[in-house]
Amino acid sequence: MSEWFKVGKIVNTHGVKGEVRVIASTDFTEDRFASGQELMVIDKETKSEVKVKVTGHRKHKNFDLLTFDGYTNINHVERFKGEFLYVHEAFLDELDKYEYYYHEIIGCLVKTEEGQELGKVREILETGANDVWIVQRIGQGKDILIPYIEQVVKQVDVEAKVITIHAMEGLIDEN
């Protein structure tokens, strides 16, 4: 069975010519949203998977604007609002050492070098300098923000879904 991986969320339509406004959840927008790229989205009216082919991609403010083959007006794409876009695993490239896809990191258990389990990565923020992994704490407490930098992240085992970090002073305080 093949797998599909989330690359963005359609948050709205844009204009009347079938363009959709997307918040990307991939570092590879130029590849994922390239003209000719096949993506999958759920049609909320029919609850079915729909494959769409990208025919246009441009940046507008903090969004990626996409058009799809055969979807030429707002009425065609309205039903995709609020739905996620997925790319097929066949289109995933091999990454360099110490590079990971979001789906490989999200859901990983984060623990300290001493073995203390902190929680699971629930989201990734792109800050420009480095990504920040948002860890939902086990039990109660505020989320922990883990910068993806060499001084903090010591080991990532995507097979075991475990990340080991060096808990620098102040990083995991309850405050």
N, C-alpha and C. Protein backbone atom coordinates (compact mmCIF):
# COMPACT_ATOMS: atom_id res chain seq x y z
N MET A 1 0.84 -1.19 0.00
CA MET A 1 0.00 0.00 0.00
C MET A 1 0.88 1.24 0.00
N SER A 2 0.56 2.14 -0.85
CA SER A 2 1.33 3.37 -0.93
C SER A 2 0.83 4.39 0.08
N GLU A 3 1.68 5.36 0.36
CA GLU A 3 1.34 6.36 1.35
C GLU A 3 1.38 7.76 0.76
N TRP A 4 0.56 8.62 1.36
CA TRP A 4 0.50 10.03 0.99
C TRP A 4 0.93 10.84 2.20
N PHE A 5 1.68 11.92 1.98
CA PHE A 5 2.20 12.74 3.06
C PHE A 5 1.74 14.18 2.91
N LYS A 6 1.34 14.76 4.02
CA LYS A 6 0.80 16.11 4.06
C LYS A 6 1.86 17.13 3.67
N VAL A 7 1.49 18.04 2.74
CA VAL A 7 2.42 19.09 2.31
C VAL A 7 1.82 20.49 2.45
N GLY A 8 0.55 20.57 2.85
CA GLY A 8 -0.06 21.88 3.01
C GLY A 8 -1.54 21.77 3.33
N LYS A 9 -2.12 22.92 3.63
CA LYS A 9 -3.55 22.99 3.93
C LYS A 9 -4.15 24.11 3.09
N ILE A 10 -5.24 23.79 2.41
CA ILE A 10 -5.97 24.81 1.65
C ILE A 10 -6.82 25.59 2.64
N VAL A 11 -6.47 26.85 2.83
CA VAL A 11 -7.17 27.66 3.84
C VAL A 11 -8.25 28.53 3.24
N ASN A 12 -8.20 28.75 1.92
CA ASN A 12 -9.22 29.59 1.31
C ASN A 12 -9.06 29.55 -0.20
N THR A 13 -10.02 30.14 -0.87
CA THR A 13 -9.88 30.37 -2.30
C THR A 13 -9.23 31.73 -2.47
N HIS A 14 -8.78 32.02 -3.70
CA HIS A 14 -8.16 33.32 -3.98
C HIS A 14 -8.65 33.77 -5.35
N GLY A 15 -9.47 34.79 -5.35
CA GLY A 15 -10.04 35.26 -6.60
C GLY A 15 -11.15 34.35 -7.08
N VAL A 16 -11.52 34.48 -8.35
CA VAL A 16 -12.64 33.72 -8.88
C VAL A 16 -12.23 32.70 -9.95
N LYS A 17 -10.94 32.59 -10.23
CA LYS A 17 -10.48 31.74 -11.33
C LYS A 17 -9.93 30.38 -10.87
N GLY A 18 -10.35 29.92 -9.69
CA GLY A 18 -9.98 28.58 -9.25
C GLY A 18 -8.68 28.48 -8.49
N GLU A 19 -8.11 29.60 -8.11
CA GLU A 19 -6.86 29.58 -7.34
C GLU A 19 -7.19 29.31 -5.87
N VAL A 20 -6.32 28.53 -5.21
CA VAL A 20 -6.48 28.26 -3.78
C VAL A 20 -5.30 28.80 -3.00
N ARG A 21 -5.58 29.22 -1.77
CA ARG A 21 -4.56 29.75 -0.86
C ARG A 21 -4.14 28.63 0.08
N VAL A 22 -2.83 28.35 0.10
CA VAL A 22 -2.30 27.21 0.83
C VAL A 22 -1.28 27.67 1.87
N ILE A 23 -1.37 27.09 3.07
CA ILE A 23 -0.30 27.22 4.06
C ILE A 23 0.52 25.93 3.94
N ALA A 24 1.75 26.08 3.50
CA ALA A 24 2.62 24.92 3.25
C ALA A 24 3.10 24.31 4.56
N SER A 25 3.25 22.99 4.55
CA SER A 25 3.86 22.29 5.67
C SER A 25 5.00 21.43 5.12
N THR A 26 5.77 22.03 4.24
CA THR A 26 6.92 21.38 3.63
C THR A 26 8.00 22.42 3.40
N ASP A 27 9.24 22.00 3.45
CA ASP A 27 10.35 22.88 3.12
C ASP A 27 10.59 22.94 1.62
N PHE A 28 9.88 22.11 0.86
CA PHE A 28 10.16 21.94 -0.55
C PHE A 28 9.00 22.44 -1.42
N THR A 29 8.54 23.65 -1.18
CA THR A 29 7.38 24.15 -1.91
C THR A 29 7.63 24.22 -3.42
N GLU A 30 8.84 24.57 -3.83
CA GLU A 30 9.12 24.67 -5.26
C GLU A 30 8.98 23.31 -5.95
N ASP A 31 9.31 22.24 -5.25
CA ASP A 31 9.15 20.89 -5.82
C ASP A 31 7.71 20.40 -5.67
N ARG A 32 7.16 20.52 -4.47
CA ARG A 32 5.83 19.98 -4.18
C ARG A 32 4.73 20.66 -4.98
N PHE A 33 4.89 21.97 -5.24
CA PHE A 33 3.85 22.73 -5.92
C PHE A 33 4.26 23.11 -7.35
N ALA A 34 5.23 22.39 -7.91
CA ALA A 34 5.68 22.67 -9.28
C ALA A 34 4.60 22.30 -10.28
N SER A 35 4.57 23.01 -11.38
CA SER A 35 3.62 22.72 -12.44
C SER A 35 3.79 21.27 -12.89
N GLY A 36 2.69 20.54 -12.95
CA GLY A 36 2.72 19.13 -13.33
C GLY A 36 2.72 18.18 -12.15
N GLN A 37 3.01 18.67 -10.94
CA GLN A 37 3.04 17.82 -9.74
C GLN A 37 1.63 17.32 -9.43
N GLU A 38 1.52 16.04 -9.15
CA GLU A 38 0.24 15.46 -8.75
C GLU A 38 0.13 15.47 -7.23
N LEU A 39 -0.99 15.99 -6.75
CA LEU A 39 -1.28 16.03 -5.32
C LEU A 39 -2.63 15.36 -5.09
N MET A 40 -2.94 15.10 -3.84
CA MET A 40 -4.22 14.53 -3.49
C MET A 40 -4.87 15.41 -2.43
N VAL A 41 -6.19 15.56 -2.54
CA VAL A 41 -6.97 16.34 -1.59
C VAL A 41 -8.29 15.59 -1.37
N ILE A 42 -8.88 15.76 -0.20
CA ILE A 42 -10.18 15.16 0.06
C ILE A 42 -11.27 16.13 -0.38
N ASP A 43 -12.23 15.63 -1.15
CA ASP A 43 -13.39 16.43 -1.55
C ASP A 43 -14.40 16.31 -0.41
N LYS A 44 -14.65 17.43 0.31
CA LYS A 44 -15.52 17.32 1.48
C LYS A 44 -16.98 17.06 1.12
N GLU A 45 -17.38 17.30 -0.13
CA GLU A 45 -18.75 16.99 -0.54
C GLU A 45 -18.95 15.49 -0.73
N THR A 46 -17.99 14.83 -1.37
CA THR A 46 -18.13 13.39 -1.66
C THR A 46 -17.34 12.52 -0.69
N LYS A 47 -16.52 13.16 0.15
CA LYS A 47 -15.65 12.45 1.11
C LYS A 47 -14.69 11.49 0.40
N SER A 48 -14.33 11.81 -0.83
CA SER A 48 -13.44 10.94 -1.59
C SER A 48 -12.10 11.62 -1.85
N GLU A 49 -11.10 10.80 -2.13
CA GLU A 49 -9.78 11.31 -2.49
C GLU A 49 -9.82 11.79 -3.93
N VAL A 50 -9.30 12.99 -4.16
CA VAL A 50 -9.26 13.55 -5.51
C VAL A 50 -7.81 13.87 -5.84
N LYS A 51 -7.35 13.35 -6.97
CA LYS A 51 -6.00 13.69 -7.43
C LYS A 51 -6.10 14.93 -8.29
N VAL A 52 -5.23 15.91 -8.00
CA VAL A 52 -5.21 17.16 -8.76
C VAL A 52 -3.79 17.38 -9.29
N LYS A 53 -3.72 18.01 -10.47
CA LYS A 53 -2.42 18.31 -11.07
C LYS A 53 -2.21 19.82 -11.01
N VAL A 54 -1.09 20.23 -10.44
CA VAL A 54 -0.77 21.65 -10.31
C VAL A 54 -0.47 22.22 -11.69
N THR A 55 -1.13 23.35 -12.00
CA THR A 55 -0.83 24.04 -13.27
C THR A 55 -0.21 25.41 -13.02
N GLY A 56 -0.30 25.88 -11.77
CA GLY A 56 0.30 27.18 -11.46
C GLY A 56 0.62 27.29 -9.98
N HIS A 57 1.72 27.97 -9.69
CA HIS A 57 2.15 28.20 -8.30
C HIS A 57 2.82 29.56 -8.22
N ARG A 58 2.40 30.33 -7.24
CA ARG A 58 3.06 31.60 -6.95
C ARG A 58 2.93 31.89 -5.48
N LYS A 59 3.83 32.74 -4.99
CA LYS A 59 3.81 33.17 -3.59
C LYS A 59 3.02 34.47 -3.49
N HIS A 60 2.26 34.59 -2.41
CA HIS A 60 1.53 35.83 -2.12
C HIS A 60 1.49 35.99 -0.62
N LYS A 61 2.20 36.98 -0.10
CA LYS A 61 2.34 37.20 1.35
C LYS A 61 2.90 35.93 1.96
N ASN A 62 2.24 35.36 2.96
CA ASN A 62 2.74 34.13 3.61
C ASN A 62 2.13 32.86 3.03
N PHE A 63 1.49 32.97 1.88
CA PHE A 63 0.77 31.84 1.32
C PHE A 63 1.37 31.40 -0.01
N ASP A 64 1.08 30.16 -0.36
CA ASP A 64 1.34 29.64 -1.69
C ASP A 64 -0.01 29.60 -2.40
N LEU A 65 -0.08 30.18 -3.58
CA LEU A 65 -1.31 30.16 -4.37
C LEU A 65 -1.15 29.13 -5.48
N LEU A 66 -2.11 28.21 -5.57
CA LEU A 66 -2.04 27.12 -6.54
C LEU A 66 -3.27 27.11 -7.42
N THR A 67 -3.07 26.68 -8.66
CA THR A 67 -4.18 26.36 -9.55
C THR A 67 -4.01 24.92 -10.01
N PHE A 68 -5.14 24.26 -10.27
CA PHE A 68 -5.14 22.86 -10.65
C PHE A 68 -5.77 22.67 -12.03
N ASP A 69 -5.27 21.70 -12.76
CA ASP A 69 -5.77 21.37 -14.08
C ASP A 69 -7.26 21.02 -14.01
N GLY A 70 -8.08 21.72 -14.80
CA GLY A 70 -9.51 21.44 -14.85
C GLY A 70 -10.34 22.16 -13.81
N TYR A 71 -9.71 22.88 -12.90
CA TYR A 71 -10.43 23.62 -11.85
C TYR A 71 -10.25 25.11 -12.16
N THR A 72 -11.17 25.64 -12.97
CA THR A 72 -10.95 26.96 -13.54
C THR A 72 -11.76 28.09 -12.90
N ASN A 73 -12.61 27.74 -11.92
CA ASN A 73 -13.30 28.83 -11.23
C ASN A 73 -13.52 28.50 -9.76
N ILE A 74 -13.91 29.49 -9.02
CA ILE A 74 -14.05 29.38 -7.56
C ILE A 74 -15.00 28.25 -7.16
N ASN A 75 -16.03 28.01 -7.96
CA ASN A 75 -17.01 26.97 -7.63
C ASN A 75 -16.39 25.57 -7.67
N HIS A 76 -15.37 25.37 -8.49
CA HIS A 76 -14.70 24.08 -8.58
C HIS A 76 -13.85 23.77 -7.34
N VAL A 77 -13.28 24.80 -6.71
CA VAL A 77 -12.33 24.58 -5.62
C VAL A 77 -12.88 24.90 -4.24
N GLU A 78 -14.05 25.48 -4.17
CA GLU A 78 -14.66 25.85 -2.89
C GLU A 78 -14.73 24.65 -1.94
N ARG A 79 -15.00 23.48 -2.50
CA ARG A 79 -15.16 22.27 -1.68
C ARG A 79 -13.85 21.76 -1.07
N PHE A 80 -12.71 22.33 -1.48
CA PHE A 80 -11.41 21.93 -0.93
C PHE A 80 -10.99 22.78 0.27
N LYS A 81 -11.71 23.86 0.53
CA LYS A 81 -11.35 24.75 1.65
C LYS A 81 -11.28 23.98 2.97
N GLY A 82 -10.20 24.20 3.70
CA GLY A 82 -10.03 23.53 5.00
C GLY A 82 -9.42 22.15 4.91
N GLU A 83 -9.19 21.66 3.71
CA GLU A 83 -8.64 20.31 3.53
C GLU A 83 -7.13 20.36 3.33
N PHE A 84 -6.48 19.23 3.60
CA PHE A 84 -5.04 19.12 3.45
C PHE A 84 -4.69 18.64 2.05
N LEU A 85 -3.50 19.04 1.59
CA LEU A 85 -2.93 18.55 0.34
C LEU A 85 -1.86 17.53 0.69
N TYR A 86 -1.79 16.46 -0.11
CA TYR A 86 -0.84 15.39 0.14
C TYR A 86 -0.04 15.11 -1.13
N VAL A 87 1.20 14.67 -0.93
CA VAL A 87 2.05 14.23 -2.03
C VAL A 87 2.30 12.73 -1.85
N HIS A 88 2.40 12.02 -2.95
CA HIS A 88 2.64 10.58 -2.90
C HIS A 88 4.09 10.30 -2.53
N GLU A 89 4.31 9.21 -1.82
CA GLU A 89 5.65 8.84 -1.36
C GLU A 89 6.64 8.69 -2.52
N ALA A 90 6.17 8.38 -3.71
CA ALA A 90 7.06 8.22 -4.86
C ALA A 90 7.77 9.52 -5.21
N PHE A 91 7.21 10.67 -4.80
CA PHE A 91 7.79 11.97 -5.11
C PHE A 91 8.72 12.49 -4.02
N LEU A 92 8.93 11.70 -2.96
CA LEU A 92 9.84 12.12 -1.89
C LEU A 92 11.27 11.80 -2.30
N ASP A 93 12.14 12.78 -2.16
CA ASP A 93 13.55 12.60 -2.50
C ASP A 93 14.34 12.13 -1.29
N GLU A 94 15.50 11.53 -1.56
CA GLU A 94 16.42 11.19 -0.48
C GLU A 94 16.98 12.50 0.09
N LEU A 95 17.02 12.60 1.40
CA LEU A 95 17.54 13.80 2.05
C LEU A 95 18.97 13.57 2.51
N ASP A 96 19.67 14.66 2.72
CA ASP A 96 21.02 14.58 3.26
C ASP A 96 20.97 14.13 4.71
N LYS A 97 22.13 13.74 5.22
CA LYS A 97 22.25 13.37 6.62
C LYS A 97 21.81 14.55 7.49
N TYR A 98 21.09 14.28 8.54
CA TYR A 98 20.56 15.27 9.48
C TYR A 98 19.44 16.13 8.90
N GLU A 99 18.86 15.72 7.77
CA GLU A 99 17.66 16.36 7.24
C GLU A 99 16.52 15.36 7.32
N TYR A 100 15.33 15.86 7.66
CA TYR A 100 14.19 14.99 7.86
C TYR A 100 12.94 15.61 7.28
N TYR A 101 12.04 14.75 6.84
CA TYR A 101 10.72 15.21 6.44
C TYR A 101 9.90 15.46 7.70
N TYR A 102 8.96 16.40 7.61
CA TYR A 102 8.09 16.71 8.75
C TYR A 102 7.42 15.45 9.29
N HIS A 103 6.91 14.61 8.39
CA HIS A 103 6.19 13.42 8.85
C HIS A 103 7.10 12.45 9.61
N GLU A 104 8.41 12.56 9.42
CA GLU A 104 9.33 11.70 10.17
C GLU A 104 9.54 12.22 11.59
N ILE A 105 9.39 13.52 11.79
CA ILE A 105 9.65 14.14 13.09
C ILE A 105 8.38 14.24 13.94
N ILE A 106 7.28 14.64 13.30
CA ILE A 106 6.03 14.79 14.04
C ILE A 106 5.60 13.43 14.57
N GLY A 107 5.30 13.40 15.86
CA GLY A 107 4.92 12.15 16.52
C GLY A 107 6.06 11.46 17.25
N CYS A 108 7.30 11.92 17.05
CA CYS A 108 8.44 11.31 17.74
C CYS A 108 8.42 11.65 19.23
N LEU A 109 8.81 10.69 20.05
CA LEU A 109 8.99 10.89 21.48
C LEU A 109 10.30 11.65 21.69
N VAL A 110 10.26 12.69 22.51
CA VAL A 110 11.47 13.45 22.82
C VAL A 110 11.88 13.12 24.25
N LYS A 111 13.15 12.77 24.41
CA LYS A 111 13.67 12.47 25.75
C LYS A 111 15.02 13.13 25.93
N THR A 112 15.40 13.32 27.18
CA THR A 112 16.69 13.93 27.48
C THR A 112 17.78 12.86 27.41
N GLU A 113 19.03 13.32 27.42
CA GLU A 113 20.17 12.38 27.42
C GLU A 113 20.14 11.49 28.66
N GLU A 114 19.50 11.99 29.72
CA GLU A 114 19.39 11.22 30.96
C GLU A 114 18.24 10.22 30.91
N GLY A 115 17.43 10.25 29.85
CA GLY A 115 16.34 9.30 29.69
C GLY A 115 14.97 9.81 30.10
N GLN A 116 14.86 11.07 30.54
CA GLN A 116 13.56 11.62 30.93
C GLN A 116 12.71 11.85 29.69
N GLU A 117 11.53 11.24 29.65
CA GLU A 117 10.62 11.41 28.53
C GLU A 117 9.86 12.71 28.71
N LEU A 118 9.93 13.58 27.69
CA LEU A 118 9.32 14.90 27.79
C LEU A 118 7.96 14.98 27.11
N GLY A 119 7.81 14.35 25.99
CA GLY A 119 6.57 14.42 25.23
C GLY A 119 6.82 14.08 23.78
N LYS A 120 5.82 14.39 22.94
CA LYS A 120 5.92 14.09 21.51
C LYS A 120 5.86 15.36 20.68
N VAL A 121 6.61 15.36 19.58
CA VAL A 121 6.61 16.50 18.65
C VAL A 121 5.23 16.55 17.99
N ARG A 122 4.55 17.70 18.12
CA ARG A 122 3.22 17.83 17.53
C ARG A 122 3.18 18.78 16.35
N GLU A 123 4.23 19.62 16.22
CA GLU A 123 4.24 20.61 15.16
C GLU A 123 5.67 21.10 14.93
N ILE A 124 5.92 21.65 13.75
CA ILE A 124 7.23 22.21 13.43
C ILE A 124 7.02 23.63 12.94
N LEU A 125 7.78 24.56 13.54
CA LEU A 125 7.74 25.96 13.11
C LEU A 125 9.02 26.28 12.35
N GLU A 126 8.86 26.97 11.23
CA GLU A 126 10.01 27.44 10.48
C GLU A 126 10.28 28.88 10.92
N THR A 127 11.45 29.12 11.47
CA THR A 127 11.76 30.46 11.99
C THR A 127 12.73 31.23 11.11
N GLY A 128 13.28 30.59 10.14
CA GLY A 128 14.28 31.24 9.29
C GLY A 128 15.67 30.76 9.65
N ALA A 129 16.09 30.98 10.89
CA ALA A 129 17.42 30.54 11.32
C ALA A 129 17.47 29.02 11.44
N ASN A 130 16.49 28.45 12.10
CA ASN A 130 16.39 27.01 12.28
C ASN A 130 14.94 26.66 12.59
N ASP A 131 14.58 25.41 12.37
CA ASP A 131 13.24 24.96 12.73
C ASP A 131 13.14 24.85 14.24
N VAL A 132 11.92 24.98 14.74
CA VAL A 132 11.63 24.77 16.16
C VAL A 132 10.58 23.68 16.24
N TRP A 133 10.88 22.65 17.02
CA TRP A 133 9.95 21.54 17.18
C TRP A 133 9.12 21.80 18.43
N ILE A 134 7.81 21.79 18.28
CA ILE A 134 6.90 22.01 19.41
C ILE A 134 6.55 20.64 19.99
N VAL A 135 6.91 20.47 21.25
CA VAL A 135 6.72 19.19 21.93
C VAL A 135 5.58 19.31 22.93
N GLN A 136 4.56 18.48 22.73
CA GLN A 136 3.45 18.43 23.70
C GLN A 136 3.91 17.59 24.87
N ARG A 137 3.96 18.24 26.01
CA ARG A 137 4.47 17.64 27.24
C ARG A 137 3.62 16.44 27.67
N ILE A 138 4.27 15.42 28.23
CA ILE A 138 3.56 14.30 28.84
C ILE A 138 2.91 14.83 30.12
N GLY A 139 1.65 14.53 30.30
CA GLY A 139 0.94 15.03 31.49
C GLY A 139 0.51 16.47 31.27
N GLN A 140 0.78 17.31 32.26
CA GLN A 140 0.36 18.71 32.22
C GLN A 140 1.54 19.62 31.92
N GLY A 141 1.25 20.84 31.60
CA GLY A 141 2.30 21.83 31.39
C GLY A 141 2.30 22.38 29.98
N LYS A 142 2.99 23.52 29.86
CA LYS A 142 3.08 24.18 28.56
C LYS A 142 3.94 23.35 27.60
N ASP A 143 3.70 23.57 26.32
CA ASP A 143 4.53 22.92 25.30
C ASP A 143 5.98 23.33 25.48
N ILE A 144 6.87 22.45 25.02
CA ILE A 144 8.30 22.72 25.06
C ILE A 144 8.74 23.07 23.64
N LEU A 145 9.50 24.13 23.50
CA LEU A 145 10.01 24.53 22.19
C LEU A 145 11.46 24.09 22.07
N ILE A 146 11.72 23.19 21.14
CA ILE A 146 13.05 22.62 20.95
C ILE A 146 13.64 23.16 19.65
N PRO A 147 14.70 23.96 19.74
CA PRO A 147 15.33 24.43 18.50
C PRO A 147 16.10 23.28 17.86
N TYR A 148 15.93 23.11 16.55
CA TYR A 148 16.67 22.07 15.85
C TYR A 148 18.06 22.60 15.53
N ILE A 149 18.92 22.53 16.56
CA ILE A 149 20.32 22.94 16.44
C ILE A 149 21.19 21.84 17.04
N GLU A 150 22.42 21.81 16.60
CA GLU A 150 23.36 20.76 17.00
C GLU A 150 23.58 20.70 18.51
N GLN A 151 23.58 21.87 19.18
CA GLN A 151 23.82 21.90 20.63
C GLN A 151 22.69 21.28 21.43
N VAL A 152 21.49 21.18 20.84
CA VAL A 152 20.33 20.65 21.57
C VAL A 152 19.95 19.25 21.09
N VAL A 153 19.73 19.09 19.81
CA VAL A 153 19.28 17.80 19.28
C VAL A 153 20.50 16.91 19.07
N LYS A 154 20.56 15.85 19.85
CA LYS A 154 21.74 14.99 19.83
C LYS A 154 21.56 13.75 18.96
N GLN A 155 20.34 13.21 18.89
CA GLN A 155 20.11 12.02 18.07
C GLN A 155 18.66 11.99 17.63
N VAL A 156 18.45 11.64 16.37
CA VAL A 156 17.11 11.44 15.82
C VAL A 156 17.06 10.04 15.25
N ASP A 157 16.19 9.22 15.80
CA ASP A 157 16.00 7.85 15.32
C ASP A 157 14.59 7.78 14.73
N VAL A 158 14.49 8.00 13.40
CA VAL A 158 13.17 8.03 12.78
C VAL A 158 12.51 6.66 12.76
N GLU A 159 13.30 5.60 12.76
CA GLU A 159 12.74 4.24 12.78
C GLU A 159 12.05 3.98 14.12
N ALA A 160 12.72 4.32 15.22
CA ALA A 160 12.16 4.10 16.55
C ALA A 160 11.24 5.25 16.99
N LYS A 161 11.22 6.35 16.19
CA LYS A 161 10.41 7.54 16.50
C LYS A 161 10.82 8.14 17.85
N VAL A 162 12.16 8.25 18.07
CA VAL A 162 12.70 8.80 19.32
C VAL A 162 13.76 9.86 19.00
N ILE A 163 13.66 10.99 19.69
CA ILE A 163 14.62 12.07 19.56
C ILE A 163 15.26 12.28 20.92
N THR A 164 16.59 12.32 20.96
CA THR A 164 17.31 12.56 22.21
C THR A 164 17.88 13.97 22.16
N ILE A 165 17.63 14.73 23.24
CA ILE A 165 18.11 16.11 23.29
C ILE A 165 18.99 16.35 24.50
N HIS A 166 19.82 17.36 24.41
CA HIS A 166 20.58 17.88 25.54
C HIS A 166 19.72 19.01 26.12
N ALA A 167 19.27 18.82 27.34
CA ALA A 167 18.36 19.79 27.97
C ALA A 167 19.18 20.94 28.55
N MET A 168 19.46 21.92 27.69
CA MET A 168 20.19 23.10 28.14
C MET A 168 19.38 23.80 29.23
N GLU A 169 20.06 24.53 30.09
CA GLU A 169 19.40 25.23 31.19
C GLU A 169 18.28 26.14 30.65
N GLY A 170 17.10 26.00 31.25
CA GLY A 170 15.95 26.83 30.88
C GLY A 170 15.11 26.28 29.73
N LEU A 171 15.58 25.24 29.07
CA LEU A 171 14.87 24.72 27.91
C LEU A 171 13.55 24.05 28.25
N ILE A 172 13.53 23.26 29.33
CA ILE A 172 12.32 22.51 29.65
C ILE A 172 11.69 22.91 30.97
N ASP A 173 11.99 24.11 31.44
CA ASP A 173 11.38 24.58 32.68
C ASP A 173 9.86 24.60 32.55
N GLU A 174 9.18 24.42 33.66
CA GLU A 174 7.71 24.41 33.70
C GLU A 174 7.13 25.81 33.51
N ASN A 175 7.90 26.85 33.65
CA ASN A 175 7.37 28.22 33.63
C ASN A 175 6.82 28.60 32.31
